[in-house]
């Protein structure tokens, strides 16, 4: 049993399980490959904060390029429950999940993005094992329950062909780093990010907005760590930095609802990350 979790955004966790189950091993930096941790935007009218700019389909395509698995790593939106059951038998990533799978968690009510994905595989006749990175390594679903899940969610399926021993991947993490920062610079120039002064204009200070903002900031800070870890693996020497202090400051600002201060602190965090 392989398990990976637990974050606000579960895409990378579920994808890591998929690669392990299909025989490719624990490939790191999947969100960095897909550039999902290099740029964020906010939803309108307070409907979500710090949502990755890069969508899932684009991220999967970029990951396929990095891992040299074009044609083997695929994303599909299915039309029928029969198709879903056929693919679920082979082992897939499925999502985004919007409703309750195991238990109702506060973060899933207030972080309004396509962030919940899980790994599904048939275990026995009429039975399926669900690995939910939201905190549940093993959930067992009957066929009827799986059909109901598909009909209710109508999500996407991510498939990966088994590694038959012929595929050996050599990571080019320097390219992942360089391309990630090139993307970051481009979207900042296009004024599409949470660094913009009007990015939080939908924030109204209500209790629900406060909670949503807090979980959005947590998601951003978790992705900061993904970039930091990529820098570590590049062998860059970490200087004595204020990154941890700035991360704590950003969370405190979110808890106080002082949204006008967030872009400037975030800008300092990006600068510190780039200089790692």
C-alpha atoms as a PDB file:
ATOM      1  CA  UNK A   1       0.000   0.000   0.000  1.00  0.00           C
ATOM      2  CA  UNK A   2       1.342   3.405  -1.002  1.00  0.00           C
ATOM      3  CA  UNK A   3      -0.051   6.550   0.493  1.00  0.00           C
ATOM      4  CA  UNK A   4       0.647  10.193  -0.181  1.00  0.00           C
ATOM      5  CA  UNK A   5      -1.019  13.110   1.586  1.00  0.00           C
ATOM      6  CA  UNK A   6      -2.177  15.372   3.064  1.00  0.00           C
ATOM      7  CA  UNK A   7      -2.450  18.845   1.566  1.00  0.00           C
ATOM      8  CA  UNK A   8      -5.101  21.382   0.621  1.00  0.00           C
ATOM      9  CA  UNK A   9      -4.527  20.541  -3.063  1.00  0.00           C
ATOM     10  CA  UNK A  10      -4.403  16.774  -3.583  1.00  0.00           C
ATOM     11  CA  UNK A  11      -3.573  16.529  -7.301  1.00  0.00           C
ATOM     12  CA  UNK A  12       0.137  15.836  -6.830  1.00  0.00           C
ATOM     13  CA  UNK A  13      -0.554  13.351  -4.028  1.00  0.00           C
ATOM     14  CA  UNK A  14      -2.924  11.295  -6.171  1.00  0.00           C
ATOM     15  CA  UNK A  15      -0.597  11.475  -9.187  1.00  0.00           C
ATOM     16  CA  UNK A  16       2.330  10.230  -7.131  1.00  0.00           C
ATOM     17  CA  UNK A  17       0.300   7.174  -6.154  1.00  0.00           C
ATOM     18  CA  UNK A  18      -0.599   6.583  -9.815  1.00  0.00           C
ATOM     19  CA  UNK A  19       3.067   6.589 -10.895  1.00  0.00           C
ATOM     20  CA  UNK A  20       4.056   4.213  -8.089  1.00  0.00           C
ATOM     21  CA  UNK A  21       1.190   1.811  -8.773  1.00  0.00           C
ATOM     22  CA  UNK A  22       2.054   1.712 -12.476  1.00  0.00           C
ATOM     23  CA  UNK A  23       5.671   0.808 -11.790  1.00  0.00           C
ATOM     24  CA  UNK A  24       7.467   4.107 -12.399  1.00  0.00           C
ATOM     25  CA  UNK A  25       8.446   4.769  -8.808  1.00  0.00           C
ATOM     26  CA  UNK A  26       7.968   7.840  -6.662  1.00  0.00           C
ATOM     27  CA  UNK A  27       8.617  10.634  -9.157  1.00  0.00           C
ATOM     28  CA  UNK A  28       9.078  13.914  -7.266  1.00  0.00           C
ATOM     29  CA  UNK A  29       8.205  17.495  -8.197  1.00  0.00           C
ATOM     30  CA  UNK A  30       5.058  16.679 -10.185  1.00  0.00           C
ATOM     31  CA  UNK A  31       3.354  19.989  -9.361  1.00  0.00           C
ATOM     32  CA  UNK A  32       6.527  21.848 -10.283  1.00  0.00           C
ATOM     33  CA  UNK A  33       6.642  19.954 -13.583  1.00  0.00           C
ATOM     34  CA  UNK A  34       3.076  20.996 -14.313  1.00  0.00           C
ATOM     35  CA  UNK A  35       3.875  24.573 -13.165  1.00  0.00           C
ATOM     36  CA  UNK A  36       0.899  24.486 -10.778  1.00  0.00           C
ATOM     37  CA  UNK A  37       2.965  25.821  -7.871  1.00  0.00           C
ATOM     38  CA  UNK A  38       4.413  28.776  -9.804  1.00  0.00           C
ATOM     39  CA  UNK A  39       1.356  31.004 -10.173  1.00  0.00           C
ATOM     40  CA  UNK A  40      -1.969  31.656  -8.423  1.00  0.00           C
ATOM     41  CA  UNK A  41      -5.132  33.648  -8.984  1.00  0.00           C
ATOM     42  CA  UNK A  42      -8.305  34.312  -6.977  1.00  0.00           C
ATOM     43  CA  UNK A  43     -11.896  33.509  -7.810  1.00  0.00           C
ATOM     44  CA  UNK A  44     -14.412  36.318  -8.214  1.00  0.00           C
ATOM     45  CA  UNK A  45     -16.536  37.633  -5.359  1.00  0.00           C
ATOM     46  CA  UNK A  46     -14.556  35.835  -2.708  1.00  0.00           C
ATOM     47  CA  UNK A  47     -15.123  32.425  -4.283  1.00  0.00           C
ATOM     48  CA  UNK A  48     -11.717  30.954  -3.646  1.00  0.00           C
ATOM     49  CA  UNK A  49      -8.214  32.230  -2.995  1.00  0.00           C
ATOM     50  CA  UNK A  50      -4.790  31.153  -4.246  1.00  0.00           C
ATOM     51  CA  UNK A  51      -6.032  28.826  -6.962  1.00  0.00           C
ATOM     52  CA  UNK A  52      -3.352  27.505  -9.377  1.00  0.00           C
ATOM     53  CA  UNK A  53      -3.479  29.324 -12.699  1.00  0.00           C
ATOM     54  CA  UNK A  54      -2.518  26.166 -14.593  1.00  0.00           C
ATOM     55  CA  UNK A  55      -5.461  23.790 -15.069  1.00  0.00           C
ATOM     56  CA  UNK A  56      -5.272  20.035 -14.579  1.00  0.00           C
ATOM     57  CA  UNK A  57      -5.350  19.129 -18.280  1.00  0.00           C
ATOM     58  CA  UNK A  58      -2.450  21.454 -19.047  1.00  0.00           C
ATOM     59  CA  UNK A  59      -0.488  20.179 -16.051  1.00  0.00           C
ATOM     60  CA  UNK A  60      -0.955  16.530 -17.067  1.00  0.00           C
ATOM     61  CA  UNK A  61       0.252  17.322 -20.587  1.00  0.00           C
ATOM     62  CA  UNK A  62       3.374  19.050 -19.288  1.00  0.00           C
ATOM     63  CA  UNK A  63       4.118  16.223 -16.843  1.00  0.00           C
ATOM     64  CA  UNK A  64       3.852  13.761 -19.735  1.00  0.00           C
ATOM     65  CA  UNK A  65       6.440  15.765 -21.661  1.00  0.00           C
ATOM     66  CA  UNK A  66       8.884  15.910 -18.752  1.00  0.00           C
ATOM     67  CA  UNK A  67       8.566  12.195 -18.011  1.00  0.00           C
ATOM     68  CA  UNK A  68       8.648  11.254 -21.715  1.00  0.00           C
ATOM     69  CA  UNK A  69       5.283   9.532 -21.380  1.00  0.00           C
ATOM     70  CA  UNK A  70       3.378  11.302 -24.157  1.00  0.00           C
ATOM     71  CA  UNK A  71       0.689   8.927 -25.357  1.00  0.00           C
ATOM     72  CA  UNK A  72       0.887   6.886 -22.159  1.00  0.00           C
ATOM     73  CA  UNK A  73      -0.277   9.479 -19.631  1.00  0.00           C
ATOM     74  CA  UNK A  74      -3.753  10.608 -20.651  1.00  0.00           C
ATOM     75  CA  UNK A  75      -6.586  12.702 -19.281  1.00  0.00           C
ATOM     76  CA  UNK A  76     -10.201  12.153 -20.317  1.00  0.00           C
ATOM     77  CA  UNK A  77     -13.659  13.363 -19.431  1.00  0.00           C
ATOM     78  CA  UNK A  78     -15.976  10.382 -19.734  1.00  0.00           C
ATOM     79  CA  UNK A  79     -19.623  10.381 -20.758  1.00  0.00           C
ATOM     80  CA  UNK A  80     -20.928   7.155 -19.265  1.00  0.00           C
ATOM     81  CA  UNK A  81     -20.628   5.198 -16.046  1.00  0.00           C
ATOM     82  CA  UNK A  82     -19.703   2.115 -18.083  1.00  0.00           C
ATOM     83  CA  UNK A  83     -16.562   3.828 -19.404  1.00  0.00           C
ATOM     84  CA  UNK A  84     -15.704   4.948 -15.901  1.00  0.00           C
ATOM     85  CA  UNK A  85     -16.050   1.443 -14.462  1.00  0.00           C
ATOM     86  CA  UNK A  86     -13.894   0.005 -17.261  1.00  0.00           C
ATOM     87  CA  UNK A  87     -11.048   2.436 -16.583  1.00  0.00           C
ATOM     88  CA  UNK A  88     -11.425   2.237 -12.798  1.00  0.00           C
ATOM     89  CA  UNK A  89     -10.646  -1.457 -13.046  1.00  0.00           C
ATOM     90  CA  UNK A  90      -7.160  -0.686 -14.381  1.00  0.00           C
ATOM     91  CA  UNK A  91      -6.249   1.945 -11.772  1.00  0.00           C
ATOM     92  CA  UNK A  92      -6.852   5.658 -12.333  1.00  0.00           C
ATOM     93  CA  UNK A  93      -6.739   9.092 -10.750  1.00  0.00           C
ATOM     94  CA  UNK A  94     -10.228  10.598 -10.558  1.00  0.00           C
ATOM     95  CA  UNK A  95     -11.549  14.031  -9.645  1.00  0.00           C
ATOM     96  CA  UNK A  96     -12.164  16.750  -8.841  1.00  0.00           C
ATOM     97  CA  UNK A  97     -14.320  15.517  -5.979  1.00  0.00           C
ATOM     98  CA  UNK A  98     -16.713  18.175  -4.772  1.00  0.00           C
ATOM     99  CA  UNK A  99     -18.910  16.233  -2.370  1.00  0.00           C
ATOM    100  CA  UNK A 100     -18.212  14.050   0.632  1.00  0.00           C
ATOM    101  CA  UNK A 101     -16.178  10.904   0.040  1.00  0.00           C
ATOM    102  CA  UNK A 102     -15.284   9.940   3.589  1.00  0.00           C
ATOM    103  CA  UNK A 103     -15.994  12.782   5.973  1.00  0.00           C
ATOM    104  CA  UNK A 104     -16.847  16.442   5.579  1.00  0.00           C
ATOM    105  CA  UNK A 105     -13.791  18.599   6.224  1.00  0.00           C
ATOM    106  CA  UNK A 106     -13.846  22.363   6.691  1.00  0.00           C
ATOM    107  CA  UNK A 107     -11.109  23.016   4.160  1.00  0.00           C
ATOM    108  CA  UNK A 108     -13.082  21.274   1.429  1.00  0.00           C
ATOM    109  CA  UNK A 109     -16.061  23.500   2.066  1.00  0.00           C
ATOM    110  CA  UNK A 110     -14.087  26.729   1.835  1.00  0.00           C
ATOM    111  CA  UNK A 111     -11.149  26.136  -0.516  1.00  0.00           C
ATOM    112  CA  UNK A 112     -13.097  26.479  -3.750  1.00  0.00           C
ATOM    113  CA  UNK A 113     -10.849  25.018  -6.418  1.00  0.00           C
ATOM    114  CA  UNK A 114     -10.528  21.752  -8.314  1.00  0.00           C
ATOM    115  CA  UNK A 115      -8.219  20.374  -5.663  1.00  0.00           C
ATOM    116  CA  UNK A 116      -9.507  16.947  -4.611  1.00  0.00           C
ATOM    117  CA  UNK A 117      -8.301  13.883  -6.505  1.00  0.00           C
ATOM    118  CA  UNK A 118      -8.031  10.248  -5.502  1.00  0.00           C
ATOM    119  CA  UNK A 119      -6.665   6.945  -6.804  1.00  0.00           C
ATOM    120  CA  UNK A 120      -9.121   4.151  -7.635  1.00  0.00           C
ATOM    121  CA  UNK A 121      -8.422   0.521  -8.517  1.00  0.00           C
ATOM    122  CA  UNK A 122     -10.495  -2.646  -8.673  1.00  0.00           C
ATOM    123  CA  UNK A 123      -9.610  -5.067  -5.866  1.00  0.00           C
ATOM    124  CA  UNK A 124     -12.089  -7.886  -6.355  1.00  0.00           C
ATOM    125  CA  UNK A 125     -15.230  -8.719  -8.278  1.00  0.00           C
ATOM    126  CA  UNK A 126     -17.582  -5.846  -7.641  1.00  0.00           C
ATOM    127  CA  UNK A 127     -15.190  -4.137  -5.183  1.00  0.00           C
ATOM    128  CA  UNK A 128     -12.914  -1.120  -5.550  1.00  0.00           C
ATOM    129  CA  UNK A 129     -10.174   0.281  -3.361  1.00  0.00           C
ATOM    130  CA  UNK A 130     -10.071   4.079  -3.113  1.00  0.00           C
ATOM    131  CA  UNK A 131      -6.969   5.866  -1.842  1.00  0.00           C
ATOM    132  CA  UNK A 132      -8.098   9.328  -0.795  1.00  0.00           C
ATOM    133  CA  UNK A 133      -5.121  11.596   0.032  1.00  0.00           C
ATOM    134  CA  UNK A 134      -7.499  13.676   2.143  1.00  0.00           C
ATOM    135  CA  UNK A 135      -6.629  11.351   4.993  1.00  0.00           C
ATOM    136  CA  UNK A 136      -7.920   7.893   4.020  1.00  0.00           C
ATOM    137  CA  UNK A 137      -5.394   5.369   2.639  1.00  0.00           C
ATOM    138  CA  UNK A 138      -8.011   2.640   2.182  1.00  0.00           C
ATOM    139  CA  UNK A 139     -11.696   3.019   1.402  1.00  0.00           C
ATOM    140  CA  UNK A 140     -13.704   0.164  -0.095  1.00  0.00           C
ATOM    141  CA  UNK A 141     -16.507   0.900  -2.531  1.00  0.00           C
ATOM    142  CA  UNK A 142     -18.993  -1.479  -4.067  1.00  0.00           C
ATOM    143  CA  UNK A 143     -19.779  -1.203  -7.780  1.00  0.00           C
ATOM    144  CA  UNK A 144     -23.080   0.548  -7.094  1.00  0.00           C
ATOM    145  CA  UNK A 145     -21.307   3.152  -4.960  1.00  0.00           C
ATOM    146  CA  UNK A 146     -18.691   3.750  -7.652  1.00  0.00           C
ATOM    147  CA  UNK A 147     -21.375   4.296 -10.278  1.00  0.00           C
ATOM    148  CA  UNK A 148     -23.150   6.731  -7.977  1.00  0.00           C
ATOM    149  CA  UNK A 149     -19.881   8.617  -7.416  1.00  0.00           C
ATOM    150  CA  UNK A 150     -19.331   9.022 -11.160  1.00  0.00           C
ATOM    151  CA  UNK A 151     -22.917  10.054 -11.881  1.00  0.00           C
ATOM    152  CA  UNK A 152     -22.801  12.659  -9.130  1.00  0.00           C
ATOM    153  CA  UNK A 153     -19.383  14.148  -9.880  1.00  0.00           C
ATOM    154  CA  UNK A 154     -18.862  13.674 -13.649  1.00  0.00           C
ATOM    155  CA  UNK A 155     -15.163  14.353 -13.117  1.00  0.00           C
ATOM    156  CA  UNK A 156     -12.078  13.565 -15.157  1.00  0.00           C
ATOM    157  CA  UNK A 157     -10.012  10.401 -15.395  1.00  0.00           C
ATOM    158  CA  UNK A 158      -6.213  10.354 -15.563  1.00  0.00           C
ATOM    159  CA  UNK A 159      -4.746   7.108 -16.910  1.00  0.00           C
ATOM    160  CA  UNK A 160      -1.186   5.821 -17.144  1.00  0.00           C
ATOM    161  CA  UNK A 161       0.021   2.721 -18.980  1.00  0.00           C
ATOM    162  CA  UNK A 162       1.941   0.163 -16.958  1.00  0.00           C
ATOM    163  CA  UNK A 163       5.714   0.392 -17.024  1.00  0.00           C
ATOM    164  CA  UNK A 164       6.824  -2.855 -18.641  1.00  0.00           C
ATOM    165  CA  UNK A 165      10.427  -2.371 -17.600  1.00  0.00           C
ATOM    166  CA  UNK A 166      11.423  -0.429 -20.688  1.00  0.00           C
ATOM    167  CA  UNK A 167      10.918   3.069 -19.336  1.00  0.00           C
ATOM    168  CA  UNK A 168      13.645   4.717 -17.290  1.00  0.00           C
ATOM    169  CA  UNK A 169      13.189   8.360 -16.528  1.00  0.00           C
ATOM    170  CA  UNK A 170      16.070  10.742 -15.910  1.00  0.00           C
ATOM    171  CA  UNK A 171      14.819  13.943 -14.352  1.00  0.00           C
ATOM    172  CA  UNK A 172      16.001  17.284 -15.640  1.00  0.00           C
ATOM    173  CA  UNK A 173      15.224  19.300 -12.539  1.00  0.00           C
ATOM    174  CA  UNK A 174      17.235  22.281 -13.737  1.00  0.00           C
ATOM    175  CA  UNK A 175      14.837  22.598 -16.677  1.00  0.00           C
ATOM    176  CA  UNK A 176      11.835  22.199 -14.359  1.00  0.00           C
ATOM    177  CA  UNK A 177      13.185  25.052 -12.226  1.00  0.00           C
ATOM    178  CA  UNK A 178      13.999  27.301 -15.181  1.00  0.00           C
ATOM    179  CA  UNK A 179      10.684  26.719 -16.966  1.00  0.00           C
ATOM    180  CA  UNK A 180       8.718  27.204 -13.763  1.00  0.00           C
ATOM    181  CA  UNK A 181      10.228  30.617 -13.150  1.00  0.00           C
ATOM    182  CA  UNK A 182       9.815  31.607 -16.794  1.00  0.00           C
ATOM    183  CA  UNK A 183       6.116  30.802 -16.461  1.00  0.00           C
ATOM    184  CA  UNK A 184       5.907  32.738 -13.202  1.00  0.00           C
ATOM    185  CA  UNK A 185       7.456  35.800 -14.786  1.00  0.00           C
ATOM    186  CA  UNK A 186       5.103  35.607 -17.745  1.00  0.00           C
ATOM    187  CA  UNK A 187       1.865  35.414 -15.746  1.00  0.00           C
ATOM    188  CA  UNK A 188       3.002  38.189 -13.407  1.00  0.00           C
ATOM    189  CA  UNK A 189       3.621  40.416 -16.432  1.00  0.00           C
ATOM    190  CA  UNK A 190       0.155  39.564 -17.708  1.00  0.00           C
ATOM    191  CA  UNK A 191      -1.342  40.776 -14.387  1.00  0.00           C
ATOM    192  CA  UNK A 192      -3.095  37.478 -13.739  1.00  0.00           C
ATOM    193  CA  UNK A 193      -1.847  36.682 -10.254  1.00  0.00           C
ATOM    194  CA  UNK A 194      -2.547  37.279  -6.578  1.00  0.00           C
ATOM    195  CA  UNK A 195       0.301  39.795  -6.680  1.00  0.00           C
ATOM    196  CA  UNK A 196      -2.070  42.297  -8.302  1.00  0.00           C
ATOM    197  CA  UNK A 197      -3.384  45.017  -6.016  1.00  0.00           C
ATOM    198  CA  UNK A 198      -6.997  44.319  -7.024  1.00  0.00           C
ATOM    199  CA  UNK A 199      -6.715  40.511  -6.659  1.00  0.00           C
ATOM    200  CA  UNK A 200      -8.687  40.573  -3.395  1.00  0.00           C
ATOM    201  CA  UNK A 201     -11.427  42.993  -4.374  1.00  0.00           C
ATOM    202  CA  UNK A 202     -14.067  40.306  -3.782  1.00  0.00           C
ATOM    203  CA  UNK A 203     -13.090  39.919  -0.139  1.00  0.00           C
ATOM    204  CA  UNK A 204     -15.875  41.198   2.119  1.00  0.00           C
ATOM    205  CA  UNK A 205     -14.592  40.283   5.570  1.00  0.00           C
ATOM    206  CA  UNK A 206     -17.394  37.830   6.329  1.00  0.00           C
ATOM    207  CA  UNK A 207     -16.681  34.717   8.378  1.00  0.00           C
ATOM    208  CA  UNK A 208     -16.864  32.497   5.296  1.00  0.00           C
ATOM    209  CA  UNK A 209     -14.457  34.772   3.381  1.00  0.00           C
ATOM    210  CA  UNK A 210     -12.030  34.744   6.289  1.00  0.00           C
ATOM    211  CA  UNK A 211     -12.015  30.948   6.407  1.00  0.00           C
ATOM    212  CA  UNK A 212     -11.688  30.655   2.624  1.00  0.00           C
ATOM    213  CA  UNK A 213      -8.796  33.108   2.599  1.00  0.00           C
ATOM    214  CA  UNK A 214      -6.998  31.234   5.348  1.00  0.00           C
ATOM    215  CA  UNK A 215      -7.169  27.917   3.513  1.00  0.00           C
ATOM    216  CA  UNK A 216      -6.137  29.601   0.277  1.00  0.00           C
ATOM    217  CA  UNK A 217      -3.046  31.020   1.945  1.00  0.00           C
ATOM    218  CA  UNK A 218      -2.243  27.605   3.432  1.00  0.00           C
ATOM    219  CA  UNK A 219      -2.439  26.149  -0.070  1.00  0.00           C
ATOM    220  CA  UNK A 220      -0.055  28.826  -1.337  1.00  0.00           C
ATOM    221  CA  UNK A 221       2.408  28.170   1.504  1.00  0.00           C
ATOM    222  CA  UNK A 222       2.315  24.415   0.879  1.00  0.00           C
ATOM    223  CA  UNK A 223       3.228  25.093  -2.733  1.00  0.00           C
ATOM    224  CA  UNK A 224       6.034  27.395  -1.604  1.00  0.00           C
ATOM    225  CA  UNK A 225       7.539  24.345   0.073  1.00  0.00           C
ATOM    226  CA  UNK A 226       7.358  22.394  -3.203  1.00  0.00           C
ATOM    227  CA  UNK A 227       9.430  25.058  -4.932  1.00  0.00           C
ATOM    228  CA  UNK A 228      11.826  25.194  -2.003  1.00  0.00           C
ATOM    229  CA  UNK A 229      12.281  21.407  -2.148  1.00  0.00           C
ATOM    230  CA  UNK A 230      13.010  21.630  -5.867  1.00  0.00           C
ATOM    231  CA  UNK A 231      15.709  24.182  -5.065  1.00  0.00           C
ATOM    232  CA  UNK A 232      17.195  21.833  -2.466  1.00  0.00           C
ATOM    233  CA  UNK A 233      17.370  18.983  -4.966  1.00  0.00           C
ATOM    234  CA  UNK A 234      19.187  21.258  -7.397  1.00  0.00           C
ATOM    235  CA  UNK A 235      21.942  21.490  -4.815  1.00  0.00           C
ATOM    236  CA  UNK A 236      21.521  25.201  -4.257  1.00  0.00           C
ATOM    237  CA  UNK A 237      23.008  26.253  -0.944  1.00  0.00           C
ATOM    238  CA  UNK A 238      20.358  27.710   1.304  1.00  0.00           C
ATOM    239  CA  UNK A 239      21.414  31.068   2.633  1.00  0.00           C
ATOM    240  CA  UNK A 240      20.226  32.365   5.952  1.00  0.00           C
ATOM    241  CA  UNK A 241      16.810  33.613   4.947  1.00  0.00           C
ATOM    242  CA  UNK A 242      13.616  35.115   6.272  1.00  0.00           C
ATOM    243  CA  UNK A 243      11.365  32.755   4.318  1.00  0.00           C
ATOM    244  CA  UNK A 244       9.902  31.005   7.373  1.00  0.00           C
ATOM    245  CA  UNK A 245       9.221  34.345   9.034  1.00  0.00           C
ATOM    246  CA  UNK A 246       7.465  35.635   5.908  1.00  0.00           C
ATOM    247  CA  UNK A 247       5.365  32.484   5.646  1.00  0.00           C
ATOM    248  CA  UNK A 248       4.184  32.916   9.247  1.00  0.00           C
ATOM    249  CA  UNK A 249       3.502  36.588   8.597  1.00  0.00           C
ATOM    250  CA  UNK A 250       1.397  35.793   5.560  1.00  0.00           C
ATOM    251  CA  UNK A 251      -0.736  33.333   7.531  1.00  0.00           C
ATOM    252  CA  UNK A 252      -1.206  35.852  10.351  1.00  0.00           C
ATOM    253  CA  UNK A 253      -2.298  38.495   7.823  1.00  0.00           C
ATOM    254  CA  UNK A 254      -4.870  36.103   6.364  1.00  0.00           C
ATOM    255  CA  UNK A 255      -6.240  35.285   9.808  1.00  0.00           C
ATOM    256  CA  UNK A 256      -6.655  39.014  10.500  1.00  0.00           C
ATOM    257  CA  UNK A 257      -8.233  39.645   7.091  1.00  0.00           C
ATOM    258  CA  UNK A 258      -5.711  42.360   6.167  1.00  0.00           C
ATOM    259  CA  UNK A 259      -5.832  41.465   2.474  1.00  0.00           C
ATOM    260  CA  UNK A 260      -4.226  44.705   1.301  1.00  0.00           C
ATOM    261  CA  UNK A 261      -0.934  43.491   2.824  1.00  0.00           C
ATOM    262  CA  UNK A 262      -0.897  40.059   1.165  1.00  0.00           C
ATOM    263  CA  UNK A 263       0.511  40.991  -2.291  1.00  0.00           C
ATOM    264  CA  UNK A 264       3.602  42.706  -0.853  1.00  0.00           C
ATOM    265  CA  UNK A 265       4.442  39.822   1.492  1.00  0.00           C
ATOM    266  CA  UNK A 266       3.840  37.330  -1.293  1.00  0.00           C
ATOM    267  CA  UNK A 267       6.201  39.302  -3.562  1.00  0.00           C
ATOM    268  CA  UNK A 268       8.953  39.021  -0.946  1.00  0.00           C
ATOM    269  CA  UNK A 269       8.372  35.266  -0.688  1.00  0.00           C
ATOM    270  CA  UNK A 270       8.688  34.825  -4.465  1.00  0.00           C
ATOM    271  CA  UNK A 271      11.912  36.838  -4.425  1.00  0.00           C
ATOM    272  CA  UNK A 272      13.348  34.730  -1.614  1.00  0.00           C
ATOM    273  CA  UNK A 273      12.420  31.494  -3.406  1.00  0.00           C
ATOM    274  CA  UNK A 274      14.044  32.625  -6.646  1.00  0.00           C
ATOM    275  CA  UNK A 275      17.272  33.402  -4.819  1.00  0.00           C
ATOM    276  CA  UNK A 276      17.518  30.012  -3.098  1.00  0.00           C
END
